[in-house]
Protein backbone atom coordinates (compact mmCIF):
# COMPACT_ATOMS: atom_id res chain seq x y z
CA MET A 1 121.06 98.23 58.29
CA ASP A 2 117.85 96.46 59.16
CA ASP A 3 118.45 94.06 56.12
CA TYR A 4 121.96 93.50 57.12
CA ALA A 5 120.98 92.46 60.76
CA LYS A 6 118.36 90.10 59.25
CA THR A 7 120.95 88.53 57.04
CA VAL A 8 123.26 87.99 59.74
CA GLN A 9 120.53 86.55 62.06
CA THR A 10 119.47 84.11 59.28
CA ALA A 11 123.09 83.07 58.72
CA ARG A 12 123.53 82.35 62.51
CA GLU A 13 120.29 80.34 62.57
CA VAL A 14 121.21 78.36 59.50
CA ALA A 15 124.61 77.53 60.94
CA LYS A 16 122.95 76.09 63.92
CA ASP A 17 120.39 74.13 61.79
CA ALA A 18 117.58 76.08 63.26
CA GLY A 19 114.43 76.43 61.20
CA MET A 20 115.87 74.38 58.20
CA LEU A 21 113.19 72.02 56.98
CA ASN A 22 112.74 70.06 53.75
CA PHE A 23 109.38 70.18 52.20
CA GLY A 24 107.78 70.29 48.74
CA VAL A 25 105.96 73.19 47.01
CA VAL A 26 104.30 73.21 43.74
CA ILE A 27 104.29 76.71 42.03
CA THR A 28 101.87 77.43 39.29
CA ALA A 29 101.41 80.73 37.39
CA THR A 30 98.54 81.73 35.11
CA ILE A 31 99.37 83.89 32.06
CA ARG A 32 97.14 85.50 29.56
CA ASN A 33 99.59 85.43 26.60
CA ALA A 34 102.07 82.85 25.53
CA GLU A 35 104.66 85.52 25.08
CA ASP A 36 104.66 86.23 28.81
CA ALA A 37 105.66 82.61 29.58
CA LEU A 38 109.34 83.07 29.57
CA ALA A 39 109.21 86.35 31.59
CA VAL A 40 107.04 84.65 34.32
CA SER A 41 109.28 81.59 34.36
CA TYR A 42 112.37 83.80 35.10
CA GLY A 43 110.30 85.85 37.61
CA VAL A 44 109.32 82.60 39.64
CA GLU A 45 112.93 81.46 39.41
CA ASP A 46 114.39 84.67 40.70
CA LEU A 47 111.73 84.84 43.64
CA ALA A 48 112.46 81.10 44.49
CA ALA A 49 116.22 81.94 44.62
CA GLU A 50 115.60 84.88 46.92
CA SER A 51 113.66 82.45 49.22
CA GLN A 52 116.35 79.83 48.92
CA LEU A 53 114.03 77.35 47.22
CA THR A 54 115.12 74.93 44.68
CA VAL A 55 112.73 74.89 41.68
CA ARG A 56 112.66 72.29 39.03
CA PRO A 57 110.25 72.72 35.99
CA ALA A 58 107.72 69.96 35.51
CA TYR A 59 108.51 69.40 31.63
CA GLY A 60 106.08 66.99 30.20
CA ALA A 61 104.12 66.67 33.57
CA GLN A 62 102.23 69.93 33.65
CA ASP A 63 98.95 68.44 34.05
CA THR A 64 100.23 66.30 37.03
CA ALA A 65 101.98 69.14 38.64
CA PHE A 66 98.78 71.28 38.45
CA ALA A 67 96.76 68.52 39.96
CA ALA A 68 99.14 68.30 42.71
CA SER A 69 98.84 72.00 43.43
CA LEU A 70 95.03 71.82 43.94
CA PRO A 71 93.78 71.43 47.52
CA LEU A 72 92.58 67.88 47.04
CA GLY A 73 94.86 66.03 49.33
CA LEU A 74 96.73 64.11 46.61
CA VAL A 75 99.80 62.25 47.64
CA LEU A 76 101.65 62.05 44.26
CA PRO A 77 103.98 59.09 45.25
CA ASP A 78 100.75 57.00 45.72
CA TYR A 79 99.97 57.53 42.00
CA VAL A 80 103.43 57.14 40.52
CA MET A 81 103.76 54.15 38.05
CA VAL A 82 107.21 52.85 37.92
CA PRO A 83 108.39 51.03 34.78
CA SER A 84 108.82 47.13 35.22
CA LYS A 85 112.44 47.41 34.11
CA ILE A 86 113.34 49.86 36.86
CA ARG A 87 111.06 48.09 39.59
CA GLU A 88 112.81 44.58 38.75
CA ALA A 89 116.17 46.23 38.95
CA VAL A 90 115.86 47.27 42.60
């Protein structure tokens, strides 16, 4: 019953736009064996879904995502290089 009451309360708050905020989070996971990667990936996706977070894997940009997750104060858009074709099209 307690979980149901919390769910109803959350639904009411979301309907009123209370507490809804857009922000970014970088999730990293350290594994010991490469065989565990798929299981950990599914686990992170499941936990994110429970928390109502949208998760996108950093395919091909793992090093950048890892650097962004460190407490160094990096602001990633300051370091993005946009190809000249795209920059000129805008």
